[in-house]
Amino acid sequence: MPYILISTQIRMVRHRRCETGPTIVGDECSDPALMEQLGATKRTVLGNNFAEYVVNEPPRVTLDRLEALGFRVVSMTGVGQTLVWCLHKE
């Protein structure tokens, strides 16, 4: 039963405009084929000892792609300025 977590950070910038991104779509153990379908690239942020997959698109675009691949949102939450979605594919 494959699950996937995606997350992004929301920042308020000048003139009260909202900015998101990048969207984190997986960790170093994620399915490389799925990450390729999402157009994700693997990166390691300075100071972290793990890699993550990211896309430079808003979460809405990634959620649309995952729905087309058969995933459905199971839950969503906000933690501070971070938004997290959990998706599942039958």
C-alpha atoms as a PDB file:
ATOM      1  CA  MET A   1       0.000   0.000   0.000  1.00  0.00           C
ATOM      2  CA  PRO A   2       2.037   2.961  -1.225  1.00  0.00           C
ATOM      3  CA  TYR A   3       1.826   6.222   0.701  1.00  0.00           C
ATOM      4  CA  ILE A   4       3.513   9.505  -0.149  1.00  0.00           C
ATOM      5  CA  LEU A   5       3.991  12.698   1.848  1.00  0.00           C
ATOM      6  CA  ILE A   6       4.404  16.043   0.146  1.00  0.00           C
ATOM      7  CA  SER A   7       5.074  19.341   1.860  1.00  0.00           C
ATOM      8  CA  THR A   8       5.765  22.988   1.202  1.00  0.00           C
ATOM      9  CA  GLN A   9       6.355  26.166   3.144  1.00  0.00           C
ATOM     10  CA  ILE A  10       4.126  29.222   2.896  1.00  0.00           C
ATOM     11  CA  ARG A  11       5.794  32.601   3.240  1.00  0.00           C
ATOM     12  CA  MET A  12       4.218  36.020   3.272  1.00  0.00           C
ATOM     13  CA  VAL A  13       6.231  38.430   1.172  1.00  0.00           C
ATOM     14  CA  ARG A  14       5.901  42.139   0.524  1.00  0.00           C
ATOM     15  CA  HIS A  15       2.459  43.522  -0.170  1.00  0.00           C
ATOM     16  CA  ARG A  16       0.829  40.534   1.614  1.00  0.00           C
ATOM     17  CA  ARG A  17       1.352  38.209  -1.307  1.00  0.00           C
ATOM     18  CA  CYS A  18       1.678  34.505  -0.527  1.00  0.00           C
ATOM     19  CA  GLU A  19       4.585  32.502  -1.915  1.00  0.00           C
ATOM     20  CA  THR A  20       4.992  28.720  -1.829  1.00  0.00           C
ATOM     21  CA  GLY A  21       7.710  26.312  -2.654  1.00  0.00           C
ATOM     22  CA  PRO A  22       9.566  24.403  -3.408  1.00  0.00           C
ATOM     23  CA  THR A  23       7.360  21.336  -2.983  1.00  0.00           C
ATOM     24  CA  ILE A  24       9.090  18.400  -1.300  1.00  0.00           C
ATOM     25  CA  VAL A  25       7.753  15.161  -2.794  1.00  0.00           C
ATOM     26  CA  GLY A  26       9.930  12.399  -1.374  1.00  0.00           C
ATOM     27  CA  ASP A  27      12.916  11.253   0.607  1.00  0.00           C
ATOM     28  CA  GLU A  28      16.012   9.342  -0.430  1.00  0.00           C
ATOM     29  CA  CYS A  29      14.094   6.024  -0.222  1.00  0.00           C
ATOM     30  CA  SER A  30      11.273   7.152  -2.547  1.00  0.00           C
ATOM     31  CA  ASP A  31      10.462   5.283  -5.768  1.00  0.00           C
ATOM     32  CA  PRO A  32      12.791   6.776  -8.421  1.00  0.00           C
ATOM     33  CA  ALA A  33      10.291   6.026 -11.214  1.00  0.00           C
ATOM     34  CA  LEU A  34       7.544   7.966  -9.412  1.00  0.00           C
ATOM     35  CA  MET A  35       9.930  10.835  -8.692  1.00  0.00           C
ATOM     36  CA  GLU A  36      10.808  10.963 -12.403  1.00  0.00           C
ATOM     37  CA  GLN A  37       7.095  11.085 -13.312  1.00  0.00           C
ATOM     38  CA  LEU A  38       6.697  14.059 -10.971  1.00  0.00           C
ATOM     39  CA  GLY A  39       9.730  15.803 -12.499  1.00  0.00           C
ATOM     40  CA  ALA A  40      11.496  15.812  -9.133  1.00  0.00           C
ATOM     41  CA  THR A  41      15.187  16.275  -8.580  1.00  0.00           C
ATOM     42  CA  LYS A  42      17.166  14.859  -5.670  1.00  0.00           C
ATOM     43  CA  ARG A  43      18.990  17.325  -3.427  1.00  0.00           C
ATOM     44  CA  THR A  44      20.784  17.421  -0.108  1.00  0.00           C
ATOM     45  CA  VAL A  45      20.462  20.665   1.838  1.00  0.00           C
ATOM     46  CA  LEU A  46      23.632  21.874   3.519  1.00  0.00           C
ATOM     47  CA  GLY A  47      23.610  20.697   7.133  1.00  0.00           C
ATOM     48  CA  ASN A  48      21.244  17.753   6.539  1.00  0.00           C
ATOM     49  CA  ASN A  49      22.521  14.191   6.403  1.00  0.00           C
ATOM     50  CA  PHE A  50      19.684  13.028   4.148  1.00  0.00           C
ATOM     51  CA  ALA A  51      18.489  13.706   0.610  1.00  0.00           C
ATOM     52  CA  GLU A  52      15.038  14.761  -0.534  1.00  0.00           C
ATOM     53  CA  TYR A  53      13.217  15.030  -3.847  1.00  0.00           C
ATOM     54  CA  VAL A  54      11.802  18.435  -4.790  1.00  0.00           C
ATOM     55  CA  VAL A  55       9.853  20.071  -7.600  1.00  0.00           C
ATOM     56  CA  ASN A  56       9.848  23.798  -8.278  1.00  0.00           C
ATOM     57  CA  GLU A  57       6.087  23.937  -8.724  1.00  0.00           C
ATOM     58  CA  PRO A  58       3.311  24.767  -6.277  1.00  0.00           C
ATOM     59  CA  PRO A  59       1.746  21.847  -4.384  1.00  0.00           C
ATOM     60  CA  ARG A  60      -1.477  22.154  -6.411  1.00  0.00           C
ATOM     61  CA  VAL A  61       0.356  21.057  -9.577  1.00  0.00           C
ATOM     62  CA  THR A  62       1.953  18.103  -7.786  1.00  0.00           C
ATOM     63  CA  LEU A  63      -1.382  17.077  -6.220  1.00  0.00           C
ATOM     64  CA  ASP A  64      -2.991  17.140  -9.688  1.00  0.00           C
ATOM     65  CA  ARG A  65      -0.211  14.920 -11.086  1.00  0.00           C
ATOM     66  CA  LEU A  66      -0.495  12.448  -8.214  1.00  0.00           C
ATOM     67  CA  GLU A  67      -4.277  12.252  -8.641  1.00  0.00           C
ATOM     68  CA  ALA A  68      -3.766  11.418 -12.331  1.00  0.00           C
ATOM     69  CA  LEU A  69      -1.439   8.603 -11.185  1.00  0.00           C
ATOM     70  CA  GLY A  70      -4.133   7.150  -8.894  1.00  0.00           C
ATOM     71  CA  PHE A  71      -3.203   8.730  -5.553  1.00  0.00           C
ATOM     72  CA  ARG A  72      -5.837  10.227  -3.249  1.00  0.00           C
ATOM     73  CA  VAL A  73      -5.362  12.669  -0.374  1.00  0.00           C
ATOM     74  CA  VAL A  74      -5.829  10.904   2.974  1.00  0.00           C
ATOM     75  CA  SER A  75      -5.042  13.848   5.247  1.00  0.00           C
ATOM     76  CA  MET A  76      -3.601  17.336   5.284  1.00  0.00           C
ATOM     77  CA  THR A  77      -2.261  19.514   8.088  1.00  0.00           C
ATOM     78  CA  GLY A  78      -0.424  22.721   8.708  1.00  0.00           C
ATOM     79  CA  VAL A  79       2.467  23.002  11.142  1.00  0.00           C
ATOM     80  CA  GLY A  80       3.627  26.584  11.519  1.00  0.00           C
ATOM     81  CA  GLN A  81       4.327  27.736   7.983  1.00  0.00           C
ATOM     82  CA  THR A  82       4.632  24.174   6.632  1.00  0.00           C
ATOM     83  CA  LEU A  83       1.772  22.400   4.873  1.00  0.00           C
ATOM     84  CA  VAL A  84       1.828  18.580   4.635  1.00  0.00           C
ATOM     85  CA  TRP A  85      -0.356  16.229   2.585  1.00  0.00           C
ATOM     86  CA  CYS A  86      -0.504  12.439   2.954  1.00  0.00           C
ATOM     87  CA  LEU A  87      -1.633  10.544  -0.148  1.00  0.00           C
ATOM     88  CA  HIS A  88      -2.379   6.868  -0.738  1.00  0.00           C
ATOM     89  CA  LYS A  89      -2.715   4.687  -3.827  1.00  0.00           C
ATOM     90  CA  GLU A  90      -4.778   1.486  -3.748  1.00  0.00           C
END
